[in-house]
Amino acid sequence: MIRVALVDDQALVRAGFRLILEAEPDVEVVGEAADGVAALEMARRHRPDVVLMDIQMPGMDGLEATRRLAADGVTVVVLTTFERDDYILEAVRAGASGFLVKNAPVDELVSAVRVAASGDALLSPSVTRRVLAQLAAEAPPGGEAPDRLEQLTEREVEVLNLVAGGLSNAEIAERLILGEATVKTHVSHLLAKLHLRDRVQAVVFAYESGLVRPTGRDPSRG
């Protein structure tokens, strides 16, 4: 059972999400909060697998709450009304494992919860491309890549580049002519070696360190 917590200052939004999620046989909503401070206390009390977090709330906003929860190892999917690049970028840097607009279809909301709970990361392709371009544009020359990348094998560096391009494990497996399970193992190993929590953090590392640079084309293309 996936334990989910809902954080939004609008009670009607929380009620709608609860109705959708509790219709799923493998999802249980274990708590709700209307602001960041209440979210931290609720998460400590209920230890959800995934927190769905609004950004704009009174008092402590969703970005600061996400930062604190992520630091405690809690998986957060950030929700907002608009695909604003500044919000998305800050959410990713705060440690969010995914981003979803509130008006996303029901199946996308449910899928987001399952993807995040499985330890994967959720960013739509259009959002990913914009965020990665901004990360790369702001990256300092050289970055910290050389020292940290020395820990990785040549294959792991190759996989990291493809993860940073937005490819799924299945797509990476097809590109490298490997089994999907082998790719998943490579991803797990490189995350552990770099002390990163998930694929979103791996993407941020790859771009902010200067390992990957924008090319002006879809990064998932070879």
Protein backbone atom coordinates (compact mmCIF):
# COMPACT_ATOMS: atom_id res chain seq x y z
CA MET A 1 0.00 0.00 0.00
CA ILE A 2 1.34 3.46 -0.97
CA ARG A 3 0.92 5.94 1.89
CA VAL A 4 0.23 9.46 0.56
CA ALA A 5 -0.04 12.82 2.32
CA LEU A 6 -1.75 15.88 0.82
CA VAL A 7 -0.51 19.43 1.43
CA ASP A 8 -2.57 22.31 0.03
CA ASP A 9 -4.14 25.38 1.61
CA GLN A 10 -7.42 24.73 -0.21
CA ALA A 11 -9.61 22.14 1.49
CA LEU A 12 -11.54 21.47 -1.72
CA VAL A 13 -8.33 20.60 -3.57
CA ARG A 14 -7.28 18.19 -0.83
CA ALA A 15 -10.75 16.61 -0.84
CA GLY A 16 -10.62 16.13 -4.59
CA PHE A 17 -7.20 14.53 -4.50
CA ARG A 18 -8.25 12.28 -1.63
CA LEU A 19 -11.32 11.12 -3.55
CA ILE A 20 -9.23 10.30 -6.61
CA LEU A 21 -6.42 8.54 -4.79
CA GLU A 22 -8.50 6.52 -2.35
CA ALA A 23 -10.38 5.04 -5.31
CA GLU A 24 -7.15 3.18 -6.09
CA PRO A 25 -6.70 -0.19 -4.35
CA ASP A 26 -2.99 0.36 -3.69
CA VAL A 27 -3.14 3.95 -2.34
CA GLU A 28 -4.00 5.20 1.14
CA VAL A 29 -4.19 8.90 2.09
CA VAL A 30 -2.71 9.02 5.60
CA GLY A 31 -2.72 12.74 6.32
CA GLU A 32 -3.47 16.29 5.18
CA ALA A 33 -1.99 19.72 5.92
CA ALA A 34 -2.83 23.29 4.88
CA ASP A 35 0.65 24.83 5.17
CA GLY A 36 4.33 23.93 5.31
CA VAL A 37 4.68 23.90 9.08
CA ALA A 38 1.71 21.56 9.48
CA ALA A 39 3.11 19.43 6.65
CA LEU A 40 6.38 18.83 8.52
CA GLU A 41 4.55 17.76 11.67
CA MET A 42 2.12 15.58 9.73
CA ALA A 43 4.97 13.88 7.86
CA ARG A 44 6.81 13.15 11.11
CA ARG A 45 3.66 11.64 12.56
CA HIS A 46 2.47 9.54 9.61
CA ARG A 47 5.69 8.87 7.61
CA PRO A 48 4.04 8.90 4.16
CA ASP A 49 5.71 7.29 1.16
CA VAL A 50 4.83 10.29 -1.02
CA VAL A 51 3.83 13.86 -0.20
CA LEU A 52 1.84 15.84 -2.79
CA MET A 53 2.91 19.42 -2.08
CA ASP A 54 1.38 22.70 -3.19
CA ILE A 55 3.88 25.55 -3.67
CA GLN A 56 1.94 28.70 -2.84
CA MET A 57 0.69 28.54 0.75
CA PRO A 58 0.59 30.99 3.66
CA GLY A 59 3.36 30.86 6.24
CA MET A 60 5.97 28.31 5.22
CA ASP A 61 5.53 27.74 1.49
CA GLY A 62 5.80 24.45 -0.36
CA LEU A 63 9.37 25.02 -1.53
CA GLU A 64 10.76 25.39 1.99
CA ALA A 65 8.65 22.49 3.23
CA THR A 66 9.91 20.38 0.32
CA ARG A 67 13.51 21.30 1.15
CA ARG A 68 13.09 20.17 4.75
CA LEU A 69 11.16 17.01 3.95
CA ALA A 70 13.59 15.97 1.21
CA ALA A 71 16.47 16.46 3.65
CA ASP A 72 14.71 13.91 5.89
CA GLY A 73 14.41 11.46 2.99
CA VAL A 74 10.72 12.07 2.27
CA THR A 75 9.62 11.78 -1.37
CA VAL A 76 7.82 14.93 -2.53
CA VAL A 77 5.89 15.58 -5.74
CA VAL A 78 5.23 19.29 -6.14
CA LEU A 79 1.86 20.48 -7.41
CA THR A 80 1.01 23.89 -8.80
CA THR A 81 -1.48 25.60 -11.07
CA PHE A 82 0.96 26.73 -13.74
CA GLU A 83 4.05 25.32 -15.46
CA ARG A 84 6.20 28.21 -14.22
CA ASP A 85 9.86 27.51 -14.86
CA ASP A 86 11.03 29.40 -11.78
CA TYR A 87 8.82 27.27 -9.52
CA ILE A 88 9.83 24.06 -11.23
CA LEU A 89 13.54 24.84 -11.03
CA GLU A 90 13.34 25.79 -7.37
CA ALA A 91 11.27 22.68 -6.58
CA VAL A 92 13.87 20.47 -8.26
CA ARG A 93 16.69 22.18 -6.38
CA ALA A 94 14.73 21.85 -3.14
CA GLY A 95 14.74 18.09 -3.62
CA ALA A 96 11.37 17.37 -5.20
CA SER A 97 11.17 14.01 -6.96
CA GLY A 98 8.61 15.27 -9.42
CA PHE A 99 6.41 18.08 -10.61
CA LEU A 100 2.77 17.97 -11.69
CA VAL A 101 0.27 20.66 -12.62
CA LYS A 102 -2.96 20.51 -10.64
CA ASN A 103 -5.15 20.24 -13.73
CA ALA A 104 -3.35 17.13 -14.95
CA PRO A 105 -5.64 14.23 -15.91
CA VAL A 106 -6.64 11.85 -13.14
CA ASP A 107 -4.53 9.02 -14.53
CA GLU A 108 -1.45 11.26 -14.50
CA LEU A 109 -1.97 12.10 -10.83
CA VAL A 110 -2.27 8.44 -9.90
CA SER A 111 0.70 7.54 -12.09
CA ALA A 112 2.77 10.29 -10.47
CA VAL A 113 2.15 8.82 -7.03
CA ARG A 114 3.12 5.32 -8.16
CA VAL A 115 6.22 6.51 -10.03
CA ALA A 116 7.42 8.57 -7.07
CA ALA A 117 6.73 5.76 -4.61
CA SER A 118 8.79 3.38 -6.75
CA GLY A 119 11.80 5.65 -6.34
CA ASP A 120 11.71 7.05 -9.86
CA ALA A 121 11.36 10.70 -10.83
CA LEU A 122 8.51 12.49 -12.54
CA LEU A 123 8.95 15.47 -14.84
CA SER A 124 6.99 15.79 -18.05
CA PRO A 125 9.22 15.90 -21.18
CA SER A 126 8.30 19.51 -22.03
CA VAL A 127 9.03 20.65 -18.48
CA THR A 128 12.24 18.63 -18.33
CA ARG A 129 13.69 20.23 -21.47
CA ARG A 130 13.03 23.77 -20.23
CA VAL A 131 14.39 23.12 -16.75
CA LEU A 132 17.50 21.38 -18.05
CA ALA A 133 18.24 24.25 -20.41
CA GLN A 134 18.03 26.71 -17.51
CA LEU A 135 20.18 24.54 -15.26
CA ALA A 136 22.81 24.28 -17.95
CA ALA A 137 22.75 28.01 -18.67
CA GLU A 138 23.39 28.76 -14.99
CA ALA A 139 26.07 26.08 -14.50
CA PRO A 140 29.58 27.35 -13.71
CA PRO A 141 32.30 26.31 -16.18
CA GLY A 142 33.87 22.99 -15.23
CA GLY A 143 31.84 22.50 -12.09
CA GLU A 144 32.51 19.67 -9.71
CA ALA A 145 32.17 16.87 -12.25
CA PRO A 146 35.79 15.65 -12.55
CA ASP A 147 36.34 14.65 -8.91
CA ARG A 148 32.96 13.05 -8.33
CA LEU A 149 32.80 11.37 -11.72
CA GLU A 150 36.03 9.51 -10.99
CA GLN A 151 33.94 7.23 -8.77
CA LEU A 152 31.88 6.06 -11.76
CA THR A 153 32.71 3.43 -14.33
CA GLU A 154 32.74 4.42 -18.00
CA ARG A 155 29.37 2.70 -18.46
CA GLU A 156 27.87 4.51 -15.47
CA VAL A 157 28.97 7.87 -16.91
CA GLU A 158 27.34 6.88 -20.19
CA VAL A 159 24.11 5.97 -18.39
CA LEU A 160 24.20 9.22 -16.40
CA ASN A 161 24.42 11.21 -19.63
CA LEU A 162 21.35 9.44 -20.97
CA VAL A 163 19.45 9.90 -17.71
CA ALA A 164 20.27 13.60 -17.97
CA GLY A 165 18.85 13.53 -21.48
CA GLY A 166 15.50 12.45 -20.08
CA LEU A 167 15.56 8.84 -21.23
CA SER A 168 13.75 6.13 -19.28
CA ASN A 169 15.47 2.88 -18.29
CA ALA A 170 13.77 1.12 -21.21
CA GLU A 171 14.98 3.76 -23.67
CA ILE A 172 18.52 3.62 -22.25
CA ALA A 173 18.48 -0.17 -22.53
CA GLU A 174 17.47 0.08 -26.18
CA ARG A 175 20.11 2.73 -26.89
CA LEU A 176 22.94 0.78 -25.22
CA ILE A 177 21.68 -2.68 -26.22
CA LEU A 178 21.42 -3.80 -22.58
CA GLY A 179 18.75 -5.44 -20.48
CA GLU A 180 16.46 -3.05 -18.65
CA ALA A 181 17.38 -4.69 -15.33
CA THR A 182 21.06 -4.04 -16.07
CA VAL A 183 20.33 -0.37 -16.72
CA LYS A 184 18.38 -0.14 -13.48
CA THR A 185 21.40 -1.58 -11.65
CA HIS A 186 23.72 0.97 -13.28
CA VAL A 187 21.39 3.80 -12.26
CA SER A 188 21.22 2.54 -8.68
CA HIS A 189 25.00 2.27 -8.48
CA LEU A 190 25.68 5.75 -9.85
CA LEU A 191 23.10 7.31 -7.52
CA ALA A 192 24.73 5.59 -4.54
CA LYS A 193 28.25 6.59 -5.56
CA LEU A 194 27.26 10.22 -6.09
CA HIS A 195 25.10 10.29 -2.93
CA LEU A 196 22.02 11.29 -4.92
CA ARG A 197 18.49 10.35 -3.98
CA ASP A 198 16.85 9.89 -7.39
CA ARG A 199 16.96 10.62 -11.11
CA VAL A 200 15.95 14.25 -10.66
CA GLN A 201 19.01 14.86 -8.50
CA ALA A 202 21.13 13.00 -11.06
CA VAL A 203 19.88 15.32 -13.79
CA VAL A 204 20.61 18.39 -11.67
CA PHE A 205 24.11 17.10 -10.92
CA ALA A 206 24.84 16.33 -14.57
CA TYR A 207 23.86 19.80 -15.73
CA GLU A 208 25.06 21.93 -12.81
CA SER A 209 28.44 20.19 -12.84
CA GLY A 210 28.88 20.87 -16.54
CA LEU A 211 28.95 17.18 -17.49
CA VAL A 212 26.07 17.79 -19.90
CA ARG A 213 25.49 20.94 -21.93
CA PRO A 214 22.44 22.02 -23.95
CA THR A 215 22.59 21.28 -27.66
CA GLY A 216 19.56 23.22 -28.88
CA ARG A 217 17.72 19.98 -29.66
CA ASP A 218 15.67 17.42 -27.82
CA PRO A 219 18.14 15.98 -25.26
CA SER A 220 16.62 12.51 -25.56
CA ARG A 221 17.84 12.25 -29.16
CA GLY A 222 21.22 10.71 -29.85
